[in-house]
């Protein structure tokens, strides 16, 4: 046998492919992906919310509906037998009455639906998107005019609601900032030499630099004002319309939230005591109630968005824990996707810490290792973004802490009412993250 010299081990290329990131990259998703995930999660939660609401209302209202149907069937049969009218003819007569009822005809003598006060009440329900359904146009010209009238009217009213929201939030911010300044003066954190109302001096104070009112405080104030307004309006409707107090509260919520079922509608009788004063109070209560509930809904929407961000972070952490291997988990075979697994197994068998080796290797590259163009452009892009952010903060004079919070919490941006709330209120998710 001829002795063979041992073959030298094959030379391995010192170039290592960059390690692919695991699902932890979901924690560093782009803004579009975060918004998409938040949208999908909110859609799923709304679907579950609708299913739960339908189940509860079906369980509560279905027995009453069956009982009412049975009573109505017995009434029809008794009336048909007592007056000698065939039941099909009686039902045909009732269908004609339903058509007249939809046109505004009532069995009792009520005020006309389409006089000027009634028409003004109708257009108010149109542009505010309440839409009770008690008064509806029956002619072709009225329906065609409603399409164009409602298009511009609803858009203008939504703009009015947004402007009202901006003013009420600015007023609350001014009042709460004054209370904050007074509290700081009492505690001695603000020097007594600072004159009241000097915005430039107060902006540089430690306790008021970048200060904004909390979402929770604004939610509490708006909630208390909405409850007080609803209670006062319900007391008026109970005394004037003759409704129960619970029915009045129900009407206030349905009207102020622009749901507008139409089962209860105010100002429908022919005459009232102090009719002019009641119509003025009804108009003011509905206007203030709709604006207040609109503002309250937008504050609650920010809290819902904060909960969605928290749920997305929890789901991302679970995904990372599931996809990233534990320190003692078996490692995969070395290939083009997961390089270096064989070396880590060898280090683990020798008692070394592969994680320390990996972290050291990530911090510095080997002398013969080349950096990929993708890593180079990504690092330069991050550096340029940080530089642009610092230059913008220096030019505009924004506090650094406020800008950092705005960038980190996922609440930055937004249009309409959400953008107003983001700019005016303190973004609470930064403290929770």
Protein backbone atom coordinates (compact mmCIF):
# COMPACT_ATOMS: atom_id res chain seq x y z
CA UNK A 1 0.00 0.00 0.00
CA UNK A 2 1.28 3.36 -0.91
CA UNK A 3 1.11 5.86 1.81
CA UNK A 4 -0.81 8.93 0.88
CA UNK A 5 -0.07 12.27 2.29
CA UNK A 6 -3.03 13.71 4.11
CA UNK A 7 -5.00 16.12 2.00
CA UNK A 8 -5.00 19.63 3.29
CA UNK A 9 -8.39 20.84 4.43
CA UNK A 10 -10.22 22.91 1.86
CA UNK A 11 -9.74 26.59 2.24
CA UNK A 12 -12.78 28.34 3.38
CA UNK A 13 -13.59 31.76 2.19
CA UNK A 14 -13.25 34.29 4.91
CA UNK A 15 -16.08 36.27 3.46
CA UNK A 16 -19.18 35.77 5.56
CA UNK A 17 -22.63 36.55 4.35
CA UNK A 18 -24.54 38.95 6.57
CA UNK A 19 -26.68 37.14 9.07
CA UNK A 20 -30.33 37.48 8.21
CA UNK A 21 -32.42 39.11 10.81
CA UNK A 22 -35.15 37.04 12.36
CA UNK A 23 -38.65 38.18 12.93
CA UNK A 24 -37.27 40.89 15.19
CA UNK A 25 -37.28 43.01 12.06
CA UNK A 26 -41.01 43.29 12.67
CA UNK A 27 -40.11 45.54 15.60
CA UNK A 28 -38.43 47.86 13.08
CA UNK A 29 -41.12 47.88 10.41
CA UNK A 30 -41.66 50.86 8.23
CA UNK A 31 -44.41 53.36 9.02
CA UNK A 32 -46.59 51.98 6.23
CA UNK A 33 -46.39 48.46 7.60
CA UNK A 34 -47.21 49.66 11.11
CA UNK A 35 -50.25 51.50 9.82
CA UNK A 36 -51.32 48.45 7.83
CA UNK A 37 -50.96 46.19 10.85
CA UNK A 38 -52.87 48.66 13.00
CA UNK A 39 -55.62 48.85 10.37
CA UNK A 40 -55.94 45.07 10.10
CA UNK A 41 -55.97 44.66 13.88
CA UNK A 42 -58.59 47.38 14.29
CA UNK A 43 -60.75 45.83 11.55
CA UNK A 44 -60.59 42.45 13.31
CA UNK A 45 -61.47 44.01 16.67
CA UNK A 46 -64.39 45.94 15.12
CA UNK A 47 -65.65 42.71 13.57
CA UNK A 48 -65.54 40.97 16.94
CA UNK A 49 -67.18 44.01 18.53
CA UNK A 50 -70.02 43.87 15.98
CA UNK A 51 -70.54 40.15 16.53
CA UNK A 52 -70.65 40.63 20.31
CA UNK A 53 -73.08 43.55 20.01
CA UNK A 54 -75.36 41.64 17.64
CA UNK A 55 -75.40 38.69 20.06
CA UNK A 56 -76.31 40.86 23.04
CA UNK A 57 -79.01 42.86 21.24
CA UNK A 58 -80.48 39.71 19.71
CA UNK A 59 -80.74 38.12 23.16
CA UNK A 60 -82.28 41.28 24.66
CA UNK A 61 -84.70 42.38 21.94
CA UNK A 62 -85.79 39.16 20.25
CA UNK A 63 -88.24 38.04 22.99
CA UNK A 64 -89.91 41.46 23.03
CA UNK A 65 -90.26 41.44 19.24
CA UNK A 66 -91.90 38.00 19.27
CA UNK A 67 -94.28 39.11 22.00
CA UNK A 68 -95.22 42.27 20.10
CA UNK A 69 -95.86 40.27 16.92
CA UNK A 70 -98.16 37.92 18.82
CA UNK A 71 -100.11 40.82 20.34
CA UNK A 72 -100.44 42.54 16.96
CA UNK A 73 -101.69 39.34 15.27
CA UNK A 74 -104.30 38.86 18.00
CA UNK A 75 -105.42 42.49 17.64
CA UNK A 76 -105.87 42.11 13.87
CA UNK A 77 -107.89 38.92 14.27
CA UNK A 78 -110.13 40.44 16.94
CA UNK A 79 -110.72 43.58 14.87
CA UNK A 80 -111.49 41.54 11.75
CA UNK A 81 -113.98 39.37 13.62
CA UNK A 82 -115.66 42.28 15.44
CA UNK A 83 -116.19 44.53 12.39
CA UNK A 84 -116.62 41.93 9.68
CA UNK A 85 -113.57 43.01 7.67
CA UNK A 86 -111.49 40.37 5.97
CA UNK A 87 -107.96 40.20 7.29
CA UNK A 88 -106.28 40.55 3.82
CA UNK A 89 -108.28 43.74 3.17
CA UNK A 90 -107.32 45.08 6.58
CA UNK A 91 -103.63 44.42 5.92
CA UNK A 92 -103.88 46.19 2.53
CA UNK A 93 -105.40 49.21 4.29
CA UNK A 94 -102.55 49.23 6.79
CA UNK A 95 -99.98 49.13 3.98
CA UNK A 96 -101.56 52.26 2.49
CA UNK A 97 -101.35 53.93 5.88
CA UNK A 98 -97.66 53.05 6.15
CA UNK A 99 -97.05 54.76 2.79
CA UNK A 100 -98.90 57.85 4.02
CA UNK A 101 -96.93 57.73 7.25
CA UNK A 102 -93.67 57.79 5.31
CA UNK A 103 -94.89 60.90 3.47
CA UNK A 104 -95.53 62.73 6.74
CA UNK A 105 -99.24 62.07 7.28
CA UNK A 106 -100.19 61.23 10.85
CA UNK A 107 -103.42 60.06 12.43
CA UNK A 108 -103.20 62.86 14.99
CA UNK A 109 -103.03 66.49 13.98
CA UNK A 110 -99.35 67.38 14.18
CA UNK A 111 -97.58 70.41 12.80
CA UNK A 112 -96.72 70.38 9.06
CA UNK A 113 -93.42 68.71 8.29
CA UNK A 114 -92.38 71.02 5.46
CA UNK A 115 -93.11 74.47 6.80
CA UNK A 116 -90.03 76.65 7.30
CA UNK A 117 -89.29 75.54 10.92
CA UNK A 118 -89.77 71.90 9.94
CA UNK A 119 -87.59 72.29 6.83
CA UNK A 120 -84.90 74.07 8.87
CA UNK A 121 -84.96 71.21 11.38
CA UNK A 122 -84.63 68.74 8.49
CA UNK A 123 -81.62 70.41 6.85
CA UNK A 124 -79.95 70.59 10.26
CA UNK A 125 -80.27 66.82 10.61
CA UNK A 126 -78.92 66.40 7.06
CA UNK A 127 -75.72 68.44 7.32
CA UNK A 128 -74.97 67.11 10.82
CA UNK A 129 -75.44 63.53 9.51
CA UNK A 130 -78.01 62.79 12.24
CA UNK A 131 -80.73 61.81 9.77
CA UNK A 132 -83.67 60.88 12.00
CA UNK A 133 -85.73 59.59 9.09
CA UNK A 134 -89.00 61.06 10.32
CA UNK A 135 -88.95 63.72 7.57
CA UNK A 136 -87.69 62.62 4.15
CA UNK A 137 -88.14 64.16 0.68
CA UNK A 138 -90.82 62.41 -1.36
CA UNK A 139 -90.51 64.23 -4.70
CA UNK A 140 -87.89 63.57 -7.36
CA UNK A 141 -86.69 67.15 -7.27
CA UNK A 142 -86.30 67.05 -3.50
CA UNK A 143 -84.26 63.84 -3.63
CA UNK A 144 -82.00 65.20 -6.40
CA UNK A 145 -81.46 68.46 -4.54
CA UNK A 146 -80.66 66.54 -1.33
CA UNK A 147 -77.71 64.80 -3.01
CA UNK A 148 -75.99 68.05 -3.99
CA UNK A 149 -77.05 69.88 -0.82
CA UNK A 150 -75.84 67.12 1.49
CA UNK A 151 -72.52 66.77 -0.36
CA UNK A 152 -71.37 70.30 0.40
CA UNK A 153 -73.31 70.64 3.64
CA UNK A 154 -71.83 67.54 5.27
CA UNK A 155 -68.31 68.50 4.16
CA UNK A 156 -68.69 72.01 5.58
CA UNK A 157 -70.13 70.71 8.85
CA UNK A 158 -67.27 68.24 9.27
CA UNK A 159 -64.86 71.14 8.78
CA UNK A 160 -66.82 73.09 11.41
CA UNK A 161 -66.54 70.16 13.82
CA UNK A 162 -62.77 70.01 13.27
CA UNK A 163 -62.43 73.75 13.87
CA UNK A 164 -64.55 73.46 17.00
CA UNK A 165 -62.35 70.60 18.16
CA UNK A 166 -59.23 72.70 17.60
CA UNK A 167 -60.70 75.62 19.56
CA UNK A 168 -61.93 73.56 22.48
CA UNK A 169 -58.61 71.70 22.75
CA UNK A 170 -56.72 75.00 22.58
CA UNK A 171 -58.93 76.43 25.32
CA UNK A 172 -58.44 73.38 27.53
CA UNK A 173 -54.69 73.48 26.88
CA UNK A 174 -54.54 77.17 27.84
CA UNK A 175 -56.48 76.58 31.07
CA UNK A 176 -54.48 73.51 32.04
CA UNK A 177 -51.20 75.25 31.22
CA UNK A 178 -52.20 78.15 33.46
CA UNK A 179 -52.99 75.68 36.24
CA UNK A 180 -49.65 73.96 35.65
CA UNK A 181 -47.82 77.30 35.80
CA UNK A 182 -49.60 78.20 39.03
CA UNK A 183 -48.68 74.85 40.54
CA UNK A 184 -45.02 75.32 39.59
CA UNK A 185 -44.98 78.81 41.08
CA UNK A 186 -46.38 77.52 44.35
CA UNK A 187 -43.81 74.73 44.49
CA UNK A 188 -40.98 77.19 43.77
CA UNK A 189 -39.87 75.58 40.50
CA UNK A 190 -40.56 78.79 38.59
CA UNK A 191 -38.70 81.93 39.69
CA UNK A 192 -40.89 84.71 41.01
CA UNK A 193 -39.18 87.21 38.70
CA UNK A 194 -40.88 85.68 35.65
CA UNK A 195 -43.81 87.78 34.62
CA UNK A 196 -47.14 86.04 34.05
CA UNK A 197 -47.94 85.42 30.41
CA UNK A 198 -44.34 85.84 29.20
CA UNK A 199 -44.33 82.97 26.76
CA UNK A 200 -40.63 83.10 25.83
CA UNK A 201 -39.49 83.00 29.43
CA UNK A 202 -41.97 80.32 30.43
CA UNK A 203 -41.03 78.19 27.42
CA UNK A 204 -37.47 77.99 28.72
CA UNK A 205 -38.57 76.95 32.20
CA UNK A 206 -37.81 73.38 33.15
CA UNK A 207 -41.34 72.53 34.14
CA UNK A 208 -43.03 73.99 31.03
CA UNK A 209 -40.59 73.16 28.24
CA UNK A 210 -42.60 71.30 25.61
CA UNK A 211 -45.46 70.74 28.06
CA UNK A 212 -48.81 69.62 26.65
CA UNK A 213 -52.04 68.59 28.37
CA UNK A 214 -52.53 64.89 28.89
CA UNK A 215 -55.02 62.95 26.81
CA UNK A 216 -56.50 61.47 29.99
CA UNK A 217 -57.19 64.88 31.51
CA UNK A 218 -58.85 66.11 28.33
CA UNK A 219 -60.89 62.89 28.16
CA UNK A 220 -62.04 63.41 31.75
CA UNK A 221 -63.04 67.04 31.17
CA UNK A 222 -64.88 66.32 27.91
CA UNK A 223 -66.58 63.29 29.47
CA UNK A 224 -67.84 65.30 32.45
CA UNK A 225 -69.05 68.11 30.18
CA UNK A 226 -70.86 65.61 27.92
CA UNK A 227 -72.56 63.96 30.91
CA UNK A 228 -73.61 67.34 32.34
CA UNK A 229 -74.93 68.51 28.97
CA UNK A 230 -76.87 65.27 28.43
CA UNK A 231 -78.41 65.42 31.90
CA UNK A 232 -79.56 69.03 31.40
CA UNK A 233 -80.97 68.27 27.95
CA UNK A 234 -82.73 65.14 29.26
CA UNK A 235 -84.37 67.15 32.02
CA UNK A 236 -85.71 69.59 29.40
CA UNK A 237 -86.99 66.83 27.11
CA UNK A 238 -88.63 65.00 30.01
CA UNK A 239 -90.57 68.08 31.11
CA UNK A 240 -91.52 69.30 27.62
CA UNK A 241 -91.90 66.13 25.50
CA UNK A 242 -93.27 63.95 28.30
CA UNK A 243 -90.68 61.17 27.84
CA UNK A 244 -89.15 59.08 30.59
CA UNK A 245 -85.76 60.29 31.81
CA UNK A 246 -84.03 57.14 30.51
CA UNK A 247 -85.68 57.64 27.12
CA UNK A 248 -84.48 61.25 27.14
CA UNK A 249 -80.91 60.15 27.89
CA UNK A 250 -81.19 57.57 25.11
CA UNK A 251 -82.42 60.28 22.70
CA UNK A 252 -79.53 62.56 23.69
CA UNK A 253 -76.90 59.93 22.97
CA UNK A 254 -78.50 58.85 19.69
CA UNK A 255 -78.76 62.47 18.56
CA UNK A 256 -75.42 63.81 19.83
CA UNK A 257 -73.53 60.86 18.34
CA UNK A 258 -75.30 61.47 14.97
CA UNK A 259 -76.73 57.94 14.94
CA UNK A 260 -80.28 59.24 14.58
CA UNK A 261 -82.60 56.23 14.66
CA UNK A 262 -85.74 58.33 14.46
CA UNK A 263 -87.83 56.43 17.00
CA UNK A 264 -87.75 59.50 19.26
CA UNK A 265 -87.64 62.95 17.67
CA UNK A 266 -87.98 66.23 19.51
CA UNK A 267 -90.14 69.20 18.50
CA UNK A 268 -92.77 67.16 16.63
CA UNK A 269 -95.98 68.30 18.35
CA UNK A 270 -98.18 70.99 16.91
CA UNK A 271 -97.66 73.42 19.79
CA UNK A 272 -95.58 73.69 22.95
CA UNK A 273 -95.61 75.92 25.97
CA UNK A 274 -92.98 78.61 25.37
CA UNK A 275 -92.48 77.17 21.90
CA UNK A 276 -89.90 79.70 20.67
CA UNK A 277 -87.73 79.28 23.77
CA UNK A 278 -87.98 75.49 23.55
CA UNK A 279 -86.93 75.42 19.88
CA UNK A 280 -83.95 77.66 20.64
CA UNK A 281 -82.91 75.46 23.57
CA UNK A 282 -83.38 72.33 21.45
CA UNK A 283 -81.15 73.77 18.71
CA UNK A 284 -78.42 74.83 21.14
CA UNK A 285 -78.43 71.53 23.01
CA UNK A 286 -78.17 69.52 19.79
CA UNK A 287 -75.39 71.76 18.41
CA UNK A 288 -73.30 71.70 21.59
CA UNK A 289 -73.97 68.02 22.16
CA UNK A 290 -72.88 66.98 18.67
CA UNK A 291 -69.70 69.09 18.89
CA UNK A 292 -68.86 67.77 22.36
CA UNK A 293 -69.46 64.12 21.53
CA UNK A 294 -67.47 64.53 18.30
CA UNK A 295 -64.53 65.86 20.30
CA UNK A 296 -64.92 63.09 22.87
CA UNK A 297 -64.97 60.42 20.17
CA UNK A 298 -61.70 61.73 18.74
CA UNK A 299 -60.00 61.66 22.14
CA UNK A 300 -61.20 58.09 22.67
CA UNK A 301 -59.90 57.18 19.20
CA UNK A 302 -56.38 58.24 20.27
CA UNK A 303 -56.63 55.97 23.31
CA UNK A 304 -57.83 53.12 21.08
CA UNK A 305 -54.86 53.72 18.81
CA UNK A 306 -52.57 53.57 21.83
CA UNK A 307 -54.08 50.21 22.80
CA UNK A 308 -53.56 48.98 19.24
CA UNK A 309 -49.89 50.00 19.38
CA UNK A 310 -49.51 48.12 22.66
CA UNK A 311 -51.13 45.01 21.17
CA UNK A 312 -48.88 45.22 18.11
CA UNK A 313 -45.81 45.43 20.34
CA UNK A 314 -46.97 42.38 22.29
CA UNK A 315 -47.62 40.43 19.10
CA UNK A 316 -44.22 41.46 17.73
CA UNK A 317 -42.46 40.34 20.90
CA UNK A 318 -44.24 36.98 20.79
CA UNK A 319 -43.30 36.56 17.15
CA UNK A 320 -39.68 37.35 17.94
CA UNK A 321 -39.61 34.91 20.86
CA UNK A 322 -41.08 32.20 18.65
CA UNK A 323 -38.77 32.70 15.69
CA UNK A 324 -35.51 33.54 17.47
CA UNK A 325 -33.88 30.41 18.94
CA UNK A 326 -33.25 30.16 22.64
CA UNK A 327 -29.64 30.01 23.90
CA UNK A 328 -29.83 26.23 24.44
CA UNK A 329 -31.85 25.40 21.34
CA UNK A 330 -30.30 23.17 18.61
CA UNK A 331 -28.75 25.13 15.79
CA UNK A 332 -29.47 24.59 12.15
CA UNK A 333 -27.12 23.22 9.53
CA UNK A 334 -24.68 25.65 7.92
CA UNK A 335 -25.89 26.84 4.54
CA UNK A 336 -26.17 29.98 2.51
CA UNK A 337 -29.02 31.30 4.64
CA UNK A 338 -27.63 30.56 8.11
CA UNK A 339 -23.83 30.63 7.87
CA UNK A 340 -21.64 29.88 10.81
CA UNK A 341 -23.91 27.32 12.53
CA UNK A 342 -21.25 24.61 12.48
CA UNK A 343 -18.75 26.94 14.12
CA UNK A 344 -21.26 27.83 16.81
CA UNK A 345 -21.96 24.15 17.50
CA UNK A 346 -18.24 23.53 17.84
CA UNK A 347 -17.87 26.43 20.26
CA UNK A 348 -20.83 25.18 22.26
CA UNK A 349 -19.28 21.69 22.49
CA UNK A 350 -16.04 23.21 23.76
CA UNK A 351 -17.91 25.16 26.45
CA UNK A 352 -17.53 28.58 24.84
CA UNK A 353 -20.34 31.05 24.53
CA UNK A 354 -21.47 31.33 20.93
CA UNK A 355 -23.56 34.43 21.69
CA UNK A 356 -20.49 36.32 22.86
CA UNK A 357 -18.64 35.24 19.71
CA UNK A 358 -21.52 36.40 17.54
CA UNK A 359 -21.86 39.70 19.31
CA UNK A 360 -18.13 40.29 19.00
CA UNK A 361 -18.23 39.36 15.33
CA UNK A 362 -21.13 41.68 14.72
CA UNK A 363 -19.32 44.57 16.37
CA UNK A 364 -16.20 44.25 14.19
CA UNK A 365 -15.62 42.63 10.83
CA UNK A 366 -12.72 40.42 9.90
CA UNK A 367 -9.90 41.87 7.89
CA UNK A 368 -10.77 39.97 4.72
CA UNK A 369 -14.54 40.39 5.02
CA UNK A 370 -16.33 42.66 2.60
CA UNK A 371 -19.34 44.76 3.49
CA UNK A 372 -22.30 44.47 1.20
CA UNK A 373 -23.61 47.47 -0.69
CA UNK A 374 -26.99 47.04 0.96
CA UNK A 375 -25.52 47.41 4.45
CA UNK A 376 -23.50 50.41 3.35
CA UNK A 377 -26.48 52.27 1.89
CA UNK A 378 -28.65 51.39 4.90
CA UNK A 379 -26.13 52.76 7.39
CA UNK A 380 -25.63 55.93 5.36
CA UNK A 381 -29.37 56.39 5.07
CA UNK A 382 -29.81 56.19 8.84
CA UNK A 383 -26.96 58.64 9.41
CA UNK A 384 -28.41 61.11 6.92
CA UNK A 385 -31.84 60.82 8.52
CA UNK A 386 -30.44 61.56 11.98
CA UNK A 387 -28.43 64.49 10.61
CA UNK A 388 -31.49 65.95 8.88
CA UNK A 389 -33.52 65.56 12.08
CA UNK A 390 -30.90 67.36 14.17
CA UNK A 391 -30.64 70.19 11.63
CA UNK A 392 -34.44 70.55 11.57
CA UNK A 393 -34.61 70.69 15.37
CA UNK A 394 -31.85 73.30 15.48
CA UNK A 395 -33.51 75.47 12.82
CA UNK A 396 -37.02 75.30 14.24
CA UNK A 397 -36.07 75.40 17.90
CA UNK A 398 -38.14 72.40 18.90
CA UNK A 399 -37.41 70.68 22.19
CA UNK A 400 -35.50 67.51 21.61
CA UNK A 401 -37.56 65.50 24.06
CA UNK A 402 -40.82 66.34 22.33
CA UNK A 403 -39.46 65.40 18.90
CA UNK A 404 -38.10 62.12 20.16
CA UNK A 405 -41.44 61.20 21.65
CA UNK A 406 -43.22 62.12 18.48
CA UNK A 407 -40.93 59.90 16.46
CA UNK A 408 -41.07 56.89 18.75
CA UNK A 409 -44.67 56.51 19.77
CA UNK A 410 -46.41 55.93 16.44
CA UNK A 411 -48.85 58.81 16.90
CA UNK A 412 -47.09 61.33 14.68
CA UNK A 413 -48.84 62.53 11.57
CA UNK A 414 -52.50 62.11 10.85
CA UNK A 415 -54.98 64.38 9.13
CA UNK A 416 -58.21 65.98 10.21
CA UNK A 417 -59.31 65.48 13.78
CA UNK A 418 -56.58 62.95 14.54
CA UNK A 419 -53.88 65.37 13.38
CA UNK A 420 -55.36 68.10 15.58
CA UNK A 421 -55.32 65.84 18.62
CA UNK A 422 -51.74 64.73 17.93
CA UNK A 423 -50.50 68.31 17.71
CA UNK A 424 -52.41 69.68 20.69
CA UNK A 425 -52.20 66.91 23.27
CA UNK A 426 -49.40 65.02 24.96
CA UNK A 427 -48.80 61.69 23.24
CA UNK A 428 -49.14 59.22 26.05
CA UNK A 429 -47.75 56.15 24.34
CA UNK A 430 -44.21 57.44 24.70
CA UNK A 431 -44.40 57.04 28.45
CA UNK A 432 -45.83 53.55 28.23
CA UNK A 433 -43.26 52.23 25.75
